Amino acid sequence: MVGALLAGDPVAAGPVAPAGLSGRPGPVDTLAVWGDPGTLRRRPPYRIERAHDAATIAAYHRLRRAVFVDEQGLFADGPAGDLDETDEDPRTTVLVARAVGGPQEGQVIGGVRLGPTAAWPGPDIGWWQGGRLAVRAAARQRYAGVGGALVRAACAHAEAAGALRFDATVQQSRERFFGRLGWMTVGPTTVNGAPHALMRWPIHRVAMLAAITKAPLGALLGGLRPGGTGFVGDDGAPVPGTDMVAACDAILPAMVDRDPFWAGWCGVLVNLNDLAAMGAQPLGLLDAVAGPTESRVSRVLAGLRAASDAFAVPILGGHSQLGVASSLAVTAVGRAEEPIRAGAGLPGHVITVTADLAGGWRPGYTGRQWDSTSTRRTAELRGMLSLTVRHRPVAAKDVSMAGIVGTLGMLAESSGCSAEIDVARVPRPAGVPAGDWLTCFPGFAMVTADVPERPMPAMSQAVSACCGRLVPGSGVSLLWPDGLRTPVLGGHVTGMGPA
């Protein structure tokens, strides 16, 4: 029956009779297989897809010429027509609308292009441009809504590709149409001498991540003031009356279930990163592991042991429990005579991002977790952990699940400042989308603030770059090569306020 469905054979609606009672499968419940029949009847008579072959792209180019050259006269009637360098960029994506059913089945009736902006000659930094939205004149009434569908598909594609800024130049007559789709008007501009509006699609990726991972903390922890005065919101906490620093992190239970070894490794990694951000030398680890089976717990412990050996930091003890839901929490202790505070930054301080760009995405976590540490030697790992100890920046935070931008927002919040970060200058592995890199857990990465004369030193294991600054105010803005600043975090990230 599955083969019949995929081949398009008609099937009757209704419950499925057990095959054993009649000797053959009964009728298929199309409501369960295909969804609500009413919804299916309302499907538009077109589909949106990415153009992969030369014939489809050529059809889109012919459509553009018919609209922008022949119909509107926006471009001269020459050999090039409306084609430009963006069409030659291999990174440019073309989305087309094809007719479904009827005599025009499969015909390209509309299209749009999008990709990294031509205004920036370097590698893709997450600044994308959409344009050349065109719908065949004869199709505009029969296929109502196809233009809006193409725009929505372009927005979804750009965000999925890691864009953090998505612009479009729109004819003034279409500005209201784009506004109804959620686009914001930036200002007037021209295309080939004709008045247009520069518009921008709002991308909330950074803000949504911060809202999910960090925003509730202020209300939850307000009465605790963790860390004490001067260290509220820090990665670890000084132990009063000693030179000891303690840090504690829990790993997502879903991650413990899905990848127990990696969960154990990360339990060590994130805690040692916390100590490093505070300028503390690690002394040892404690763990609390629970799981439904001996196998699950043993794999978590194997990851903990492997990371402990790799970083040369001993596991001092802990607790294990079987027959319960999976969980993992790790505590690290270290020593620092003068811990580095996240909240010591001031307006005018330069922001440096230091990151280990080696490695790759952890299998199963593409775009979310970067594994740069599991193949490093002990000397390399300890060298990265000691970087802040040796350099002692004014303020520091290790990059957490809030990503580079969210972590910068937390450092700025603790310091009572706002921050801006130059997207093009952030160290990033080649070929990794900017949106993914700025919002992922990057393995080892530090955000530090210091006076301009003291940039973080370079090292063989990690790359450092001055790429931002603290300024008066609150929140975080992205700084782009054209000088534009786009706010991505408004106000406080955690709600815990200045340290």
Protein backbone atom coordinates (compact mmCIF):
# COMPACT_ATOMS: atom_id res chain seq x y z
CA MET A 1 0.00 0.00 0.00
CA VAL A 2 2.88 2.39 0.67
CA GLY A 3 4.10 1.79 -2.85
CA ALA A 4 0.65 2.59 -4.18
CA LEU A 5 0.53 5.83 -2.22
CA LEU A 6 3.93 6.94 -3.48
CA ALA A 7 2.90 6.08 -7.02
CA GLY A 8 -0.19 8.21 -6.73
CA ASP A 9 -2.80 5.44 -6.97
CA PRO A 10 -6.22 6.45 -5.60
CA VAL A 11 -7.18 5.07 -2.20
CA ALA A 12 -10.47 5.10 -0.34
CA ALA A 13 -10.95 7.00 2.90
CA GLY A 14 -11.88 5.22 6.10
CA PRO A 15 -10.38 3.02 8.78
CA VAL A 16 -7.81 0.38 7.93
CA ALA A 17 -9.09 -3.20 8.23
CA PRO A 18 -6.58 -5.72 9.62
CA ALA A 19 -5.00 -7.53 6.72
CA GLY A 20 -5.39 -10.90 8.41
CA LEU A 21 -9.20 -10.66 8.40
CA SER A 22 -9.72 -10.11 4.67
CA GLY A 23 -6.45 -11.36 3.23
CA ARG A 24 -5.62 -7.94 1.81
CA PRO A 25 -5.09 -4.44 3.25
CA GLY A 26 -8.21 -2.40 3.88
CA PRO A 27 -8.81 1.19 2.79
CA VAL A 28 -6.30 3.78 4.01
CA ASP A 29 -7.37 6.58 6.33
CA THR A 30 -6.23 9.53 4.24
CA LEU A 31 -6.89 11.91 7.13
CA ALA A 32 -4.15 10.15 9.10
CA VAL A 33 -1.78 9.78 6.15
CA TRP A 34 -2.14 13.09 4.35
CA GLY A 35 -3.69 15.41 6.89
CA ASP A 36 -6.95 17.35 6.93
CA PRO A 37 -8.70 16.97 3.51
CA GLY A 38 -9.98 20.53 3.76
CA THR A 39 -6.44 21.79 4.10
CA LEU A 40 -5.38 19.74 1.11
CA ARG A 41 -8.17 21.24 -0.99
CA ARG A 42 -6.95 24.70 -0.09
CA ARG A 43 -3.40 24.06 -1.17
CA PRO A 44 -2.23 26.68 -3.68
CA PRO A 45 -1.82 25.48 -7.28
CA TYR A 46 1.94 26.05 -7.17
CA ARG A 47 5.00 24.86 -5.27
CA ILE A 48 8.15 26.71 -4.20
CA GLU A 49 11.48 24.96 -4.74
CA ARG A 50 15.15 25.72 -5.11
CA ALA A 51 16.46 25.92 -8.67
CA HIS A 52 19.29 23.43 -9.11
CA ASP A 53 19.59 22.99 -12.87
CA ALA A 54 20.65 25.39 -15.60
CA ALA A 55 17.32 25.10 -17.45
CA THR A 56 15.32 26.28 -14.41
CA ILE A 57 17.68 29.17 -13.74
CA ALA A 58 17.49 30.17 -17.40
CA ALA A 59 13.69 30.13 -17.20
CA TYR A 60 13.88 32.41 -14.15
CA HIS A 61 16.22 34.78 -16.00
CA ARG A 62 13.80 34.93 -18.96
CA LEU A 63 10.96 35.69 -16.57
CA ARG A 64 12.96 38.51 -14.97
CA ARG A 65 13.70 40.01 -18.36
CA ALA A 66 10.03 39.91 -19.29
CA VAL A 67 9.11 41.74 -16.08
CA PHE A 68 11.97 44.18 -15.43
CA VAL A 69 13.03 44.97 -19.01
CA ASP A 70 10.02 44.45 -21.26
CA GLU A 71 7.14 45.24 -18.89
CA GLN A 72 8.58 47.81 -16.47
CA GLY A 73 11.50 49.26 -18.44
CA LEU A 74 13.60 49.32 -15.26
CA PHE A 75 16.65 48.06 -17.19
CA ALA A 76 17.82 48.73 -20.72
CA ASP A 77 16.89 46.30 -23.50
CA GLY A 78 20.44 45.07 -24.05
CA PRO A 79 22.07 41.66 -24.02
CA ALA A 80 22.55 41.73 -20.25
CA GLY A 81 19.12 43.05 -19.38
CA ASP A 82 18.80 42.96 -15.57
CA LEU A 83 21.60 40.42 -15.04
CA ASP A 84 24.50 41.50 -12.81
CA GLU A 85 27.43 40.15 -10.79
CA THR A 86 25.12 38.59 -8.21
CA ASP A 87 23.88 36.16 -10.85
CA GLU A 88 27.48 35.04 -11.39
CA ASP A 89 28.14 34.45 -7.68
CA PRO A 90 28.04 30.69 -7.03
CA ARG A 91 26.66 31.40 -3.55
CA THR A 92 23.49 32.96 -4.99
CA THR A 93 20.37 30.86 -4.48
CA VAL A 94 17.35 30.99 -6.78
CA LEU A 95 13.91 29.97 -5.54
CA VAL A 96 11.18 29.45 -8.13
CA ALA A 97 7.44 28.87 -8.09
CA ARG A 98 6.16 26.15 -10.43
CA ALA A 99 2.55 25.67 -11.49
CA VAL A 100 0.90 22.51 -10.16
CA GLY A 101 -1.82 20.91 -12.26
CA GLY A 102 -3.50 22.17 -15.41
CA PRO A 103 -1.94 22.99 -18.75
CA GLN A 104 0.90 24.98 -17.11
CA GLU A 105 2.07 22.06 -14.95
CA GLY A 106 5.73 22.53 -14.01
CA GLN A 107 6.06 25.95 -15.65
CA VAL A 108 8.13 28.56 -13.78
CA ILE A 109 5.63 31.27 -12.89
CA GLY A 110 7.72 33.23 -10.40
CA GLY A 111 11.10 33.46 -8.76
CA VAL A 112 13.43 35.32 -6.42
CA ARG A 113 17.16 35.29 -5.77
CA LEU A 114 19.06 35.64 -2.52
CA GLY A 115 22.54 35.19 -1.14
CA PRO A 116 25.49 36.92 0.53
CA THR A 117 25.49 40.62 -0.34
CA ALA A 118 27.67 41.90 -3.16
CA ALA A 119 28.46 44.93 -0.96
CA TRP A 120 30.93 42.81 1.04
CA PRO A 121 33.70 41.21 -1.07
CA GLY A 122 34.91 38.85 1.64
CA PRO A 123 33.56 35.51 2.83
CA ASP A 124 29.94 35.16 3.89
CA ILE A 125 29.48 36.98 7.22
CA GLY A 126 25.73 36.46 7.50
CA TRP A 127 24.78 39.64 5.60
CA TRP A 128 22.39 38.52 2.87
CA GLN A 129 20.50 40.35 0.14
CA GLY A 130 17.29 39.33 -1.59
CA GLY A 131 16.02 40.68 -4.86
CA ARG A 132 14.67 40.30 -8.38
CA LEU A 133 11.30 39.04 -7.15
CA ALA A 134 9.23 38.48 -10.29
CA VAL A 135 5.90 36.81 -11.12
CA ARG A 136 4.77 36.13 -14.67
CA ALA A 137 2.17 38.71 -15.73
CA ALA A 138 -0.30 36.09 -16.94
CA ALA A 139 -0.02 34.21 -13.63
CA ARG A 140 -0.68 37.04 -11.18
CA GLN A 141 -4.42 36.54 -10.97
CA ARG A 142 -4.61 32.77 -11.47
CA TYR A 143 -1.87 32.12 -8.91
CA ALA A 144 -2.73 34.73 -6.29
CA GLY A 145 -0.31 34.85 -3.36
CA VAL A 146 2.68 33.41 -5.19
CA GLY A 147 4.75 36.57 -4.65
CA GLY A 148 4.21 36.49 -0.89
CA ALA A 149 4.97 32.77 -0.81
CA LEU A 150 8.29 33.38 -2.57
CA VAL A 151 9.20 36.14 -0.11
CA ARG A 152 8.38 33.96 2.91
CA ALA A 153 10.36 31.08 1.45
CA ALA A 154 13.33 33.40 0.86
CA CYS A 155 13.23 34.59 4.48
CA ALA A 156 13.13 31.03 5.78
CA HIS A 157 15.99 29.96 3.50
CA ALA A 158 18.19 32.91 4.51
CA GLU A 159 17.70 32.23 8.22
CA ALA A 160 18.35 28.51 7.78
CA ALA A 161 21.57 29.36 5.91
CA GLY A 162 22.87 31.37 8.88
CA ALA A 163 21.99 34.91 7.83
CA LEU A 164 21.81 37.47 10.63
CA ARG A 165 20.90 40.38 8.36
CA PHE A 166 18.63 40.08 5.33
CA ASP A 167 18.04 43.17 3.18
CA ALA A 168 16.08 43.85 0.02
CA THR A 169 15.65 46.85 -2.25
CA VAL A 170 11.97 47.13 -3.09
CA GLN A 171 10.13 49.28 -5.62
CA GLN A 172 8.20 51.97 -3.78
CA SER A 173 4.91 50.58 -5.05
CA ARG A 174 5.70 47.26 -3.31
CA GLU A 175 6.87 48.72 0.02
CA ARG A 176 3.46 48.28 1.64
CA PHE A 177 3.24 44.69 0.37
CA PHE A 178 6.57 43.82 2.01
CA GLY A 179 5.52 45.64 5.18
CA ARG A 180 2.45 43.43 5.47
CA LEU A 181 4.78 40.42 5.29
CA GLY A 182 6.72 41.69 8.32
CA TRP A 183 9.57 43.60 6.67
CA MET A 184 10.81 46.91 8.10
CA THR A 185 11.58 49.98 6.03
CA VAL A 186 15.13 51.23 6.53
CA GLY A 187 15.11 54.18 4.15
CA PRO A 188 14.99 55.36 0.54
CA THR A 189 17.47 54.19 -2.09
CA THR A 190 17.68 53.82 -5.88
CA VAL A 191 18.15 50.94 -8.30
CA ASN A 192 19.34 51.86 -11.78
CA GLY A 193 18.14 55.40 -11.14
CA ALA A 194 14.63 54.40 -10.06
CA PRO A 195 13.43 55.17 -6.51
CA HIS A 196 13.26 52.14 -4.22
CA ALA A 197 13.00 51.45 -0.49
CA LEU A 198 15.67 49.57 1.43
CA MET A 199 13.88 47.06 3.64
CA ARG A 200 15.05 44.53 6.20
CA TRP A 201 13.64 41.24 7.44
CA PRO A 202 13.89 41.05 11.28
CA ILE A 203 15.92 38.02 12.36
CA HIS A 204 15.49 37.12 16.02
CA ARG A 205 17.84 34.14 16.25
CA VAL A 206 20.17 35.63 18.88
CA ALA A 207 17.35 37.09 20.97
CA MET A 208 15.35 33.85 20.92
CA LEU A 209 18.37 31.83 22.05
CA ALA A 210 19.03 34.24 24.92
CA ALA A 211 15.36 34.21 25.89
CA ILE A 212 15.29 30.42 26.05
CA THR A 213 18.61 29.84 27.81
CA LYS A 214 19.21 32.90 30.01
CA ALA A 215 16.28 35.32 30.37
CA PRO A 216 14.55 33.56 33.32
CA LEU A 217 17.67 33.58 35.50
CA GLY A 218 17.16 37.00 37.07
CA ALA A 219 13.75 36.12 38.49
CA LEU A 220 14.84 32.63 39.51
CA LEU A 221 18.07 33.61 41.26
CA GLY A 222 17.29 37.12 42.43
CA GLY A 223 17.19 36.17 46.09
CA LEU A 224 20.42 34.21 45.96
CA ARG A 225 22.83 36.75 44.49
CA PRO A 226 25.14 33.86 43.43
CA GLY A 227 28.83 34.64 43.64
CA GLY A 228 28.35 37.55 46.01
CA THR A 229 28.81 41.25 45.37
CA GLY A 230 31.08 41.84 42.40
CA PHE A 231 30.67 38.31 41.06
CA VAL A 232 26.93 38.10 40.38
CA GLY A 233 26.45 36.49 36.99
CA ASP A 234 29.98 35.13 36.88
CA ASP A 235 30.99 31.70 35.61
CA GLY A 236 32.16 30.57 39.05
CA ALA A 237 32.13 31.76 42.62
CA PRO A 238 34.99 32.58 45.00
CA VAL A 239 34.84 30.60 48.24
CA PRO A 240 34.83 33.23 51.04
CA GLY A 241 37.97 33.36 53.15
CA THR A 242 40.03 31.29 50.70
CA ASP A 243 41.72 31.53 47.34
CA MET A 244 39.40 28.80 46.02
CA VAL A 245 36.96 29.19 43.11
CA ALA A 246 34.10 26.75 42.48
CA ALA A 247 32.03 26.23 39.35
CA CYS A 248 29.10 23.92 38.66
CA ASP A 249 27.23 23.00 35.48
CA ALA A 250 24.46 20.58 34.63
CA ILE A 251 24.20 18.93 31.22
CA LEU A 252 20.86 18.75 29.41
CA PRO A 253 19.19 15.41 30.21
CA ALA A 254 18.29 14.95 26.55
CA MET A 255 21.98 15.19 25.70
CA VAL A 256 22.83 12.62 28.38
CA ASP A 257 20.31 10.26 26.81
CA ARG A 258 21.35 10.93 23.22
CA ASP A 259 25.14 11.01 23.50
CA PRO A 260 26.25 9.87 26.98
CA PHE A 261 29.99 9.92 26.28
CA TRP A 262 29.86 13.44 24.84
CA ALA A 263 27.73 14.57 27.77
CA GLY A 264 30.42 13.35 30.15
CA TRP A 265 33.17 15.05 28.14
CA CYS A 266 31.26 18.33 28.07
CA GLY A 267 30.57 18.14 31.80
CA VAL A 268 34.33 18.45 32.33
CA LEU A 269 34.89 20.91 29.48
CA VAL A 270 32.34 23.54 30.46
CA ASN A 271 33.43 23.59 34.10
CA LEU A 272 37.11 23.96 33.26
CA ASN A 273 36.19 26.75 30.84
CA ASP A 274 34.33 28.45 33.71
CA LEU A 275 37.41 28.31 35.92
CA ALA A 276 39.61 29.56 33.08
CA ALA A 277 37.35 32.58 32.55
CA MET A 278 37.93 33.54 36.18
CA GLY A 279 41.69 33.10 35.93
CA ALA A 280 41.69 30.03 38.15
CA GLN A 281 44.00 27.04 37.91
CA PRO A 282 41.91 23.82 38.05
CA LEU A 283 42.48 21.44 40.97
CA GLY A 284 39.81 18.77 40.63
CA LEU A 285 36.28 17.71 39.70
CA LEU A 286 33.23 16.22 41.40
CA ASP A 287 30.38 14.59 39.46
CA ALA A 288 26.81 13.46 40.11
CA VAL A 289 25.61 10.98 37.47
CA ALA A 290 22.24 9.25 37.19
CA GLY A 291 20.64 7.08 34.56
CA PRO A 292 18.09 4.36 33.94
CA THR A 293 20.65 1.63 33.22
CA GLU A 294 24.19 0.62 34.09
CA SER A 295 25.12 0.99 30.42
CA ARG A 296 23.95 4.60 30.26
CA VAL A 297 25.80 5.61 33.42
CA SER A 298 28.97 3.77 32.38
CA ARG A 299 29.09 5.66 29.08
CA VAL A 300 28.69 8.99 30.87
CA LEU A 301 31.49 8.03 33.25
CA ALA A 302 33.66 7.01 30.30
CA GLY A 303 33.30 10.52 28.86
CA LEU A 304 34.11 12.07 32.22
CA ARG A 305 37.24 9.91 32.59
CA ALA A 306 38.41 10.62 29.05
CA ALA A 307 38.09 14.38 29.52
CA SER A 308 39.68 14.22 32.97
CA ASP A 309 42.67 12.42 31.47
CA ALA A 310 42.89 14.74 28.46
CA PHE A 311 42.86 17.90 30.59
CA ALA A 312 44.97 16.31 33.36
CA VAL A 313 42.47 17.37 36.02
CA PRO A 314 41.52 14.58 38.47
CA ILE A 315 38.01 13.48 39.38
CA LEU A 316 38.03 13.71 43.16
CA GLY A 317 34.75 11.93 43.78
CA GLY A 318 31.03 12.12 43.22
CA HIS A 319 27.76 10.23 43.26
CA SER A 320 26.12 7.70 40.91
CA GLN A 321 22.52 6.49 40.85
CA LEU A 322 20.78 3.86 38.71
CA GLY A 323 17.15 3.23 37.80
CA VAL A 324 16.20 6.90 37.46
CA ALA A 325 16.02 9.48 34.68
CA SER A 326 19.31 10.53 33.11
CA SER A 327 21.11 13.51 34.65
CA LEU A 328 24.62 14.85 35.00
CA ALA A 329 26.07 17.68 37.06
CA VAL A 330 29.76 18.42 37.47
CA THR A 331 31.52 20.71 39.93
CA ALA A 332 35.05 22.03 39.42
CA VAL A 333 37.31 23.63 42.00
CA GLY A 334 40.34 25.76 41.30
CA ARG A 335 42.63 28.35 42.81
CA ALA A 336 42.94 32.04 41.99
CA GLU A 337 44.42 34.68 44.27
CA GLU A 338 42.54 37.42 42.40
CA PRO A 339 39.64 36.01 40.35
CA ILE A 340 38.82 37.78 37.09
CA ARG A 341 35.32 39.24 37.16
CA ALA A 342 32.89 39.28 34.24
CA GLY A 343 31.44 42.53 35.55
CA ALA A 344 34.61 44.62 35.58
CA GLY A 345 34.26 46.01 32.05
CA LEU A 346 33.83 49.73 31.36
CA PRO A 347 32.67 51.77 28.38
CA GLY A 348 35.60 52.09 26.00
CA HIS A 349 37.05 48.68 26.75
CA VAL A 350 37.85 46.59 23.70
CA ILE A 351 36.14 43.23 23.25
CA THR A 352 38.30 40.30 22.14
CA VAL A 353 36.98 36.90 21.08
CA THR A 354 39.42 34.00 21.46
CA ALA A 355 38.33 30.68 19.98
CA ASP A 356 39.75 27.31 19.03
CA LEU A 357 38.76 26.95 15.37
CA ALA A 358 40.03 23.40 14.96
CA GLY A 359 37.71 20.40 14.84
CA GLY A 360 34.18 20.38 13.48
CA TRP A 361 30.53 20.00 14.35
CA ARG A 362 29.80 17.19 16.77
CA PRO A 363 27.87 14.50 14.82
CA GLY A 364 24.19 15.03 15.46
CA TYR A 365 24.70 18.64 16.62
CA THR A 366 25.48 20.51 13.40
CA GLY A 367 25.02 24.23 13.89
CA ARG A 368 24.75 23.86 17.67
CA GLN A 369 27.87 22.25 19.18
CA TRP A 370 31.43 22.56 17.87
CA ASP A 371 33.96 19.96 19.00
CA SER A 372 37.43 21.47 19.03
CA THR A 373 38.77 19.74 22.14
CA SER A 374 38.34 15.97 21.86
CA THR A 375 41.32 15.60 19.49
CA ARG A 376 43.64 18.05 21.29
CA ARG A 377 46.67 16.96 23.30
CA THR A 378 46.89 17.72 27.01
CA ALA A 379 49.51 20.44 26.57
CA GLU A 380 47.29 22.20 24.02
CA LEU A 381 44.22 22.01 26.23
CA ARG A 382 46.05 23.27 29.30
CA GLY A 383 47.61 26.04 27.23
CA MET A 384 44.18 27.35 26.29
CA LEU A 385 42.89 27.10 29.85
CA SER A 386 45.84 29.12 31.14
CA LEU A 387 45.48 31.94 28.61
CA THR A 388 43.39 34.20 30.84
CA VAL A 389 45.52 33.28 33.85
CA ARG A 390 48.63 34.50 32.05
CA HIS A 391 47.13 37.57 30.36
CA ARG A 392 44.59 38.64 33.03
CA PRO A 393 42.14 40.77 31.05
CA VAL A 394 39.96 43.22 32.94
CA ALA A 395 36.82 41.09 32.39
CA ALA A 396 36.17 37.66 30.91
CA LYS A 397 33.46 35.07 30.28
CA ASP A 398 33.69 31.71 28.57
CA VAL A 399 31.18 31.20 25.77
CA SER A 400 28.20 29.19 26.96
CA MET A 401 25.08 27.79 25.30
CA ALA A 402 23.98 31.40 24.68
CA GLY A 403 26.68 31.61 22.00
CA ILE A 404 29.28 34.30 21.42
CA VAL A 405 26.79 37.15 21.13
CA GLY A 406 24.68 36.04 24.08
CA THR A 407 27.79 35.60 26.24
CA LEU A 408 28.98 39.08 25.27
CA GLY A 409 25.55 40.33 26.31
CA MET A 410 25.98 38.73 29.74
CA LEU A 411 29.45 40.27 30.17
CA ALA A 412 28.05 43.67 29.18
CA GLU A 413 25.09 43.25 31.56
CA SER A 414 27.38 42.34 34.47
CA SER A 415 29.50 45.38 33.63
CA GLY A 416 26.52 47.73 33.41
CA CYS A 417 27.25 48.45 29.74
CA SER A 418 26.07 47.86 26.22
CA ALA A 419 28.25 46.10 23.64
CA GLU A 420 28.76 46.06 19.90
CA ILE A 421 30.56 43.37 17.95
CA ASP A 422 32.01 43.57 14.43
CA VAL A 423 30.66 40.48 12.69
CA ALA A 424 33.35 40.45 10.00
CA ARG A 425 36.18 40.39 12.56
CA VAL A 426 34.99 37.55 14.79
CA PRO A 427 37.30 34.51 14.45
CA ARG A 428 35.30 31.80 12.68
CA PRO A 429 36.12 28.45 11.06
CA ALA A 430 36.12 28.58 7.26
CA GLY A 431 32.81 27.61 5.72
CA VAL A 432 30.80 27.80 8.95
CA PRO A 433 27.72 30.07 8.65
CA ALA A 434 27.96 33.20 10.77
CA GLY A 435 24.55 32.67 12.34
CA ASP A 436 25.52 29.18 13.45
CA TRP A 437 28.92 30.18 14.82
CA LEU A 438 27.69 33.19 16.78
CA THR A 439 24.91 31.19 18.45
CA CYS A 440 26.52 27.76 18.98
CA PHE A 441 28.51 26.25 21.83
CA PRO A 442 32.00 26.54 20.30
CA GLY A 443 33.97 24.14 22.50
CA PHE A 444 36.61 26.55 23.75
CA ALA A 445 35.97 30.28 23.33
CA MET A 446 36.43 33.31 25.56
CA VAL A 447 34.98 36.81 25.42
CA THR A 448 37.23 39.31 27.18
CA ALA A 449 37.24 43.06 27.77
CA ASP A 450 40.33 45.15 28.33
CA VAL A 451 41.90 48.51 27.63
CA PRO A 452 42.75 49.03 23.95
CA GLU A 453 46.48 48.75 24.59
CA ARG A 454 46.22 45.17 25.91
CA PRO A 455 44.77 42.85 23.28
CA MET A 456 44.73 39.14 24.03
CA PRO A 457 47.96 37.52 22.81
CA ALA A 458 47.95 35.11 19.89
CA MET A 459 48.57 31.43 20.49
CA SER A 460 48.92 28.38 18.27
CA GLN A 461 45.85 26.58 19.60
CA ALA A 462 43.32 29.44 19.48
CA VAL A 463 42.77 32.58 17.41
CA SER A 464 42.17 35.96 19.06
CA ALA A 465 40.74 39.08 17.42
CA CYS A 466 39.68 42.47 18.73
CA CYS A 467 36.17 42.69 17.33
CA GLY A 468 34.04 44.94 19.49
CA ARG A 469 33.78 47.34 22.37
CA LEU A 470 31.74 48.19 25.45
CA VAL A 471 29.67 51.37 25.24
CA PRO A 472 27.19 53.11 27.54
CA GLY A 473 23.70 51.60 27.60
CA SER A 474 22.43 48.04 27.54
CA GLY A 475 22.05 45.23 25.04
CA VAL A 476 24.18 44.11 22.09
CA SER A 477 24.34 45.34 18.50
CA LEU A 478 26.01 43.76 15.48
CA LEU A 479 28.35 46.08 13.58
CA TRP A 480 28.49 45.56 9.79
CA PRO A 481 31.09 46.59 7.20
CA ASP A 482 28.84 49.38 5.88
CA GLY A 483 28.82 50.98 9.34
CA LEU A 484 25.28 49.91 10.16
CA ARG A 485 24.47 48.65 13.65
CA THR A 486 21.62 46.19 14.08
CA PRO A 487 20.40 45.57 17.66
CA VAL A 488 20.07 41.85 18.42
CA LEU A 489 19.73 41.93 22.21
CA GLY A 490 17.76 44.66 23.89
CA GLY A 491 18.29 45.36 27.57
CA HIS A 492 19.57 42.70 29.94
CA VAL A 493 20.19 39.10 28.92
CA THR A 494 19.65 37.41 32.30
CA GLY A 495 17.89 40.12 34.28
CA MET A 496 20.46 39.73 37.05
CA GLY A 497 21.83 43.19 36.36
CA PRO A 498 25.29 44.60 37.13
CA ALA A 499 27.60 42.50 39.28
